[in-house]
Protein backbone atom coordinates (compact mmCIF):
# COMPACT_ATOMS: atom_id res chain seq x y z
CA MET A 1 62.60 42.59 153.55
CA ALA A 2 63.07 44.88 150.55
CA ASP A 3 66.14 46.37 152.22
CA ALA A 4 67.82 42.96 152.22
CA ILE A 5 67.16 42.47 148.52
CA LEU A 6 68.09 45.91 147.23
CA HIS A 7 71.49 47.50 147.27
CA PRO A 8 71.72 49.97 150.19
CA PHE A 9 70.49 53.04 148.30
CA ARG A 10 69.65 56.37 149.86
CA ARG A 11 66.63 56.57 147.54
CA PRO A 12 65.48 52.99 146.87
CA LEU A 13 61.90 53.95 145.96
CA LEU A 14 63.16 56.42 143.35
CA TRP A 15 65.23 53.75 141.59
CA LEU A 16 62.42 51.18 141.79
CA ALA A 17 60.08 53.78 140.27
CA VAL A 18 62.57 54.50 137.46
CA TRP A 19 62.79 50.77 136.68
CA ALA A 20 58.99 50.46 136.74
CA LEU A 21 58.72 53.41 134.32
CA MET A 22 61.28 51.77 132.03
CA ILE A 23 59.20 48.58 132.02
CA ALA A 24 56.02 50.58 131.36
CA ALA A 25 57.73 52.38 128.46
CA VAL A 26 58.76 49.06 126.89
CA ILE A 27 55.19 47.79 127.22
CA VAL A 28 53.65 50.91 125.69
CA LEU A 29 56.20 51.15 122.87
CA SER A 30 55.66 47.47 122.10
CA LEU A 31 51.92 47.87 121.67
CA VAL A 32 51.38 51.30 120.08
CA PRO A 33 50.81 51.27 116.32
CA LYS A 34 53.89 53.27 115.26
CA PRO A 35 56.40 53.68 118.08
CA PRO A 36 58.49 56.87 117.99
CA ILE A 37 61.78 55.01 117.55
CA PRO A 38 64.42 56.20 115.05
CA GLN A 39 64.55 53.94 112.00
CA LEU A 40 68.27 53.36 112.53
CA LEU A 41 67.58 51.63 115.87
CA MET A 42 64.95 49.40 114.29
CA GLN A 43 67.52 47.84 111.93
CA GLY A 44 68.36 44.32 113.07
CA LYS A 45 66.10 44.76 116.09
CA LEU A 46 68.68 46.93 117.83
CA ASP A 47 65.80 48.66 119.63
CA HIS A 48 64.76 45.35 121.22
CA LEU A 49 68.32 44.55 122.23
CA ILE A 50 68.94 47.97 123.80
CA ALA A 51 65.63 47.96 125.68
CA TYR A 52 66.14 44.55 127.26
CA VAL A 53 69.83 45.12 128.02
CA ALA A 54 68.77 48.29 129.83
CA LEU A 55 65.98 46.56 131.79
CA ALA A 56 68.17 43.67 132.90
CA ALA A 57 71.23 45.83 133.64
CA PHE A 58 69.03 48.09 135.76
CA ALA A 59 67.85 45.02 137.67
CA VAL A 60 71.51 44.20 138.34
CA GLN A 61 71.94 47.76 139.55
CA LEU A 62 68.92 47.53 141.86
CA PHE A 63 69.12 44.08 143.37
CA GLU A 64 72.01 42.89 145.47
CA ASP A 65 71.02 39.22 145.47
CA ARG A 66 72.01 37.29 142.32
CA VAL A 67 68.99 34.99 142.69
CA VAL A 68 66.72 38.04 142.61
CA GLN A 69 68.65 39.42 139.63
CA THR A 70 68.13 36.12 137.79
CA GLY A 71 64.45 36.12 138.71
CA ALA A 72 64.11 39.65 137.35
CA GLY A 73 65.87 38.52 134.16
CA LEU A 74 63.49 35.60 133.75
CA ALA A 75 60.58 37.98 134.29
CA MET A 76 61.98 40.25 131.55
CA ILE A 77 62.20 37.27 129.17
CA ALA A 78 58.60 36.38 130.03
CA LEU A 79 57.63 40.01 129.40
CA GLY A 80 59.24 39.93 125.96
CA ILE A 81 57.39 36.74 125.06
CA ALA A 82 54.10 38.07 126.45
CA LEU A 83 54.47 41.29 124.47
CA GLU A 84 55.10 39.35 121.26
CA LEU A 85 51.94 37.33 121.91
CA ALA A 86 50.03 40.53 122.67
CA GLN A 87 51.26 42.08 119.42
CA GLY A 88 50.03 39.06 117.51
CA TYR A 89 46.68 38.54 119.22
CA LEU A 90 45.67 41.92 120.64
CA THR A 91 46.73 44.43 117.98
CA VAL A 92 46.00 44.84 114.29
CA THR A 93 48.98 47.08 113.53
CA ARG A 94 51.77 44.96 115.04
CA HIS A 95 52.81 41.37 114.42
CA MET A 96 54.23 38.57 116.54
CA ALA A 97 57.82 37.53 115.80
CA THR A 98 59.79 34.75 117.44
CA TYR A 99 63.00 36.49 116.38
CA ASP A 100 62.04 39.53 118.45
CA ALA A 101 61.60 37.37 121.57
CA LEU A 102 65.00 35.80 120.94
CA VAL A 103 66.65 39.21 120.62
CA ASP A 104 64.87 40.32 123.81
CA SER A 105 66.26 37.24 125.60
CA LEU A 106 69.77 37.95 124.31
CA GLY A 107 69.42 41.50 125.62
CA VAL A 108 68.43 40.17 129.04
CA ALA A 109 71.45 37.85 129.09
CA LEU A 110 73.78 40.72 128.17
CA GLY A 111 72.20 42.97 130.78
CA LEU A 112 72.53 40.33 133.49
CA ALA A 113 76.17 39.79 132.51
CA THR A 114 76.94 43.32 133.68
CA THR A 115 76.89 41.89 137.20
CA TRP A 116 80.51 40.80 136.61
CA THR A 117 81.66 44.23 135.45
CA PRO A 118 82.36 47.55 137.17
CA LEU A 119 79.08 48.78 135.64
CA ALA A 120 77.20 46.77 138.27
CA ARG A 121 77.67 49.52 140.86
CA THR A 122 77.03 52.57 138.66
CA LEU A 123 73.57 53.32 140.04
CA PHE A 124 74.84 52.95 143.60
CA TRP A 125 77.58 55.47 142.76
CA VAL A 126 75.02 57.89 141.26
CA ASP A 127 72.70 57.48 144.25
CA ARG A 128 75.51 58.37 146.68
CA ARG A 129 76.32 61.57 144.79
CA LEU A 130 72.76 62.94 144.55
């Protein structure tokens, strides 16, 4: 079943693990008191935008089916909202911000849009050359 959903990679478990680690990193960095992110990237929430573009674009890279890509994007939007709620209710050093969730959602939309660009097959190209 997974083979029908994923692009035909030589190392599908490796790329799924990389994506899972990316998601875990976003979760951890969203909840730690002072994330080790350069101040320049924190201006205008560029860090949020980059993180969610990367997550969604990687989903485009992984999944062949556009419905699955969209589902992954919706899950990333839900993750961004859940992390904002967690920052507000589960931490004392972070705060909840609707703007952050909006920027996360914009990042997901931009990442999903890579499906219509040559970038959509970059990971497949890398996988074939390893």
